[in-house]
Amino acid sequence: MPHSKSIPEGEQVLAELYIKCREPFLNFARSFLLVGEEQILEIYQECFIDLYLQKIKTREYRTFTCSLKTYLFSIGRNKILNYIRDHGKYTRVTLSDYIPEIENPEEEEEWKKTQEKIFPIVQRMKEPCNQLLSLYYWEGKDMKKIAEILHFKNEKVAKSKKYKCMQALKEKLSSLF
């Protein structure tokens, strides 16, 4: 493997590993949707430093049963979850953020008007969001049934998709309300 004269071979390999894993890690971290780009970059750097100090420098990586990339992503996942927990970044988005609670019959008319505004927006959303949200909010299906209908791997995947769809819907609705 060719290397620069100014960088020792070991450091060159480390730099190449850093670059090789960077974009896949950033894309992985973006999937959490709750962490900004600056935090993602900072977390990646922290993960790489941890990997280097704890496993590469001490040569413990030789006993790994997984790749360095897999181990790096594992560190990253834990750091992202800790960041979300510590900074209170997890917020559930539900239609009730935009739909009034109906406590008496007079509010029924308000609900119908709101539903008339929201349903067409949901129907214009891309697949699977339009179908998923319709099944959940208008047809009352549970996540297990939705996963089955939409051919998702499992209920957990359906919940994750619903969250992403709700984020997209929230953006669309914020211009209406």
Protein backbone atom coordinates (compact mmCIF):
# COMPACT_ATOMS: atom_id res chain seq x y z
CA MET A 1 0.00 0.00 0.00
CA PRO A 2 1.56 3.33 -1.01
CA HIS A 3 1.90 5.92 1.70
CA SER A 4 3.05 9.48 2.10
CA LYS A 5 6.65 10.09 3.16
CA SER A 6 5.52 12.58 5.78
CA ILE A 7 3.10 10.19 7.49
CA PRO A 8 4.33 6.91 9.00
CA GLU A 9 2.67 3.84 7.44
CA GLY A 10 0.58 3.03 10.55
CA GLU A 11 -0.81 6.54 10.68
CA GLN A 12 -1.50 6.44 6.93
CA VAL A 13 -3.57 3.27 7.36
CA LEU A 14 -5.42 4.90 10.25
CA ALA A 15 -6.13 8.00 8.12
CA GLU A 16 -7.44 5.77 5.32
CA LEU A 17 -9.67 3.90 7.77
CA TYR A 18 -10.99 7.22 9.09
CA ILE A 19 -11.86 8.38 5.57
CA LYS A 20 -13.27 5.02 4.47
CA CYS A 21 -15.64 4.76 7.43
CA ARG A 22 -16.63 8.44 7.61
CA GLU A 23 -19.46 8.66 5.04
CA PRO A 24 -21.04 5.30 5.90
CA PHE A 25 -20.98 6.29 9.58
CA LEU A 26 -22.47 9.73 8.90
CA ASN A 27 -25.27 8.17 6.85
CA PHE A 28 -25.90 5.66 9.63
CA ALA A 29 -26.03 8.45 12.22
CA ARG A 30 -28.37 10.53 10.08
CA SER A 31 -30.89 7.70 10.23
CA PHE A 32 -31.53 8.64 13.86
CA LEU A 33 -33.07 11.93 12.61
CA LEU A 34 -32.66 13.46 16.03
CA VAL A 35 -29.06 14.53 15.92
CA GLY A 36 -27.75 17.49 13.92
CA GLU A 37 -24.83 17.38 11.47
CA GLU A 38 -22.40 19.07 13.88
CA GLN A 39 -23.18 16.56 16.60
CA ILE A 40 -22.88 13.68 14.14
CA LEU A 41 -19.40 14.82 13.07
CA GLU A 42 -18.36 15.33 16.67
CA ILE A 43 -19.67 11.89 17.64
CA TYR A 44 -17.81 10.31 14.71
CA GLN A 45 -14.56 11.91 15.81
CA GLU A 46 -15.12 10.80 19.41
CA CYS A 47 -15.87 7.26 18.24
CA PHE A 48 -12.77 7.11 16.12
CA ILE A 49 -10.62 8.42 18.97
CA ASP A 50 -12.16 5.83 21.32
CA LEU A 51 -11.57 3.08 18.78
CA TYR A 52 -7.98 4.15 18.36
CA LEU A 53 -7.14 4.63 22.04
CA GLN A 54 -9.01 1.60 23.38
CA LYS A 55 -8.55 -0.98 20.67
CA ILE A 56 -6.03 -0.07 17.96
CA LYS A 57 -3.27 1.47 20.06
CA THR A 58 -3.48 -1.39 22.56
CA ARG A 59 -3.73 -3.92 19.69
CA GLU A 60 -6.91 -5.41 21.22
CA TYR A 61 -8.50 -5.35 17.76
CA ARG A 62 -6.62 -8.57 17.01
CA THR A 63 -9.08 -10.45 19.23
CA PHE A 64 -12.19 -8.94 17.58
CA THR A 65 -14.82 -11.22 16.20
CA CYS A 66 -16.14 -8.36 14.04
CA SER A 67 -14.61 -5.76 11.72
CA LEU A 68 -13.23 -2.45 12.97
CA LYS A 69 -16.04 -0.74 11.04
CA THR A 70 -18.70 -2.79 12.84
CA TYR A 71 -17.08 -2.01 16.17
CA LEU A 72 -16.91 1.71 15.28
CA PHE A 73 -20.62 1.73 14.39
CA SER A 74 -21.42 0.02 17.67
CA ILE A 75 -19.56 2.72 19.60
CA GLY A 76 -21.38 5.32 17.51
CA ARG A 77 -24.82 3.91 18.12
CA ASN A 78 -24.23 3.99 21.87
CA LYS A 79 -22.86 7.54 21.75
CA ILE A 80 -25.81 8.74 19.66
CA LEU A 81 -28.35 7.15 22.00
CA ASN A 82 -26.53 8.68 24.99
CA TYR A 83 -26.53 12.07 23.28
CA ILE A 84 -30.26 11.86 22.55
CA ARG A 85 -30.98 10.78 26.14
CA ASP A 86 -28.72 13.41 27.73
CA HIS A 87 -29.93 16.30 25.60
CA GLY A 88 -33.61 15.45 25.63
CA LYS A 89 -33.67 15.40 21.85
CA TYR A 90 -36.25 12.65 21.56
CA THR A 91 -39.66 14.07 20.87
CA ARG A 92 -42.61 12.02 19.72
CA VAL A 93 -44.56 13.56 16.91
CA THR A 94 -48.23 12.69 16.82
CA LEU A 95 -51.24 14.00 14.98
CA SER A 96 -52.55 15.19 18.32
CA ASP A 97 -49.92 17.93 18.07
CA TYR A 98 -52.13 19.36 15.32
CA ILE A 99 -55.52 17.81 15.98
CA PRO A 100 -57.54 19.16 18.89
CA GLU A 101 -58.70 16.81 21.62
CA ILE A 102 -62.45 16.36 21.29
CA GLU A 103 -64.04 16.68 24.68
CA ASN A 104 -67.54 17.80 23.74
CA PRO A 105 -69.87 17.59 20.72
CA GLU A 106 -69.21 21.22 19.65
CA GLU A 107 -65.58 20.30 19.01
CA GLU A 108 -66.65 17.47 16.70
CA GLU A 109 -67.13 19.99 13.87
CA GLU A 110 -63.63 21.40 14.44
CA TRP A 111 -62.20 17.87 14.27
CA LYS A 112 -63.99 17.21 10.97
CA LYS A 113 -62.61 20.43 9.48
CA THR A 114 -59.09 19.58 10.66
CA GLN A 115 -59.39 16.04 9.34
CA GLU A 116 -60.57 17.40 5.99
CA LYS A 117 -57.37 19.46 5.81
CA ILE A 118 -54.99 16.72 6.96
CA PHE A 119 -56.30 13.71 5.06
CA PRO A 120 -55.61 15.09 1.56
CA ILE A 121 -52.09 16.05 2.64
CA VAL A 122 -51.49 12.51 3.91
CA GLN A 123 -52.88 11.08 0.66
CA ARG A 124 -50.44 13.20 -1.40
CA MET A 125 -47.44 11.96 0.58
CA LYS A 126 -45.14 9.40 -1.04
CA GLU A 127 -45.40 5.69 -0.38
CA PRO A 128 -45.30 4.18 2.17
CA CYS A 129 -46.14 7.25 4.27
CA ASN A 130 -49.56 7.89 2.79
CA GLN A 131 -50.66 4.31 3.25
CA LEU A 132 -49.01 3.85 6.65
CA LEU A 133 -50.53 6.99 8.18
CA SER A 134 -53.95 6.26 6.68
CA LEU A 135 -53.90 2.73 8.08
CA TYR A 136 -52.82 3.93 11.51
CA TYR A 137 -54.87 7.11 12.02
CA TRP A 138 -57.93 6.64 9.84
CA GLU A 139 -58.34 2.87 9.83
CA GLY A 140 -57.08 2.30 13.39
CA LYS A 141 -54.67 -0.53 12.51
CA ASP A 142 -51.93 -1.42 14.97
CA MET A 143 -48.23 -1.49 14.03
CA LYS A 144 -48.11 -5.27 13.79
CA LYS A 145 -50.96 -5.31 11.27
CA ILE A 146 -49.47 -2.39 9.33
CA ALA A 147 -46.13 -4.19 9.09
CA GLU A 148 -47.96 -7.19 7.70
CA ILE A 149 -50.02 -5.18 5.18
CA LEU A 150 -47.08 -3.10 3.95
CA HIS A 151 -44.67 -6.06 3.97
CA PHE A 152 -42.26 -4.56 6.48
CA LYS A 153 -39.86 -6.92 8.23
CA ASN A 154 -41.55 -6.41 11.60
CA GLU A 155 -43.49 -4.08 13.90
CA LYS A 156 -40.32 -2.20 14.86
CA VAL A 157 -39.65 -1.27 11.22
CA ALA A 158 -43.24 -0.04 10.91
CA LYS A 159 -42.81 2.16 13.99
CA SER A 160 -39.60 3.61 12.63
CA LYS A 161 -41.22 4.34 9.25
CA LYS A 162 -44.21 5.92 11.00
CA TYR A 163 -41.90 8.22 12.94
CA LYS A 164 -40.17 9.35 9.74
CA CYS A 165 -43.52 9.84 8.02
CA MET A 166 -44.77 11.89 10.96
CA GLN A 167 -41.70 14.10 10.74
CA ALA A 168 -42.48 14.75 7.07
CA LEU A 169 -46.15 15.37 7.84
CA LYS A 170 -45.25 17.72 10.67
CA GLU A 171 -43.23 19.84 8.24
CA LYS A 172 -46.14 19.97 5.80
CA LEU A 173 -48.67 20.79 8.54
CA SER A 174 -46.57 23.53 10.12
CA SER A 175 -47.34 25.73 7.11
CA LEU A 176 -51.09 25.15 7.56
CA PHE A 177 -51.51 25.73 11.29
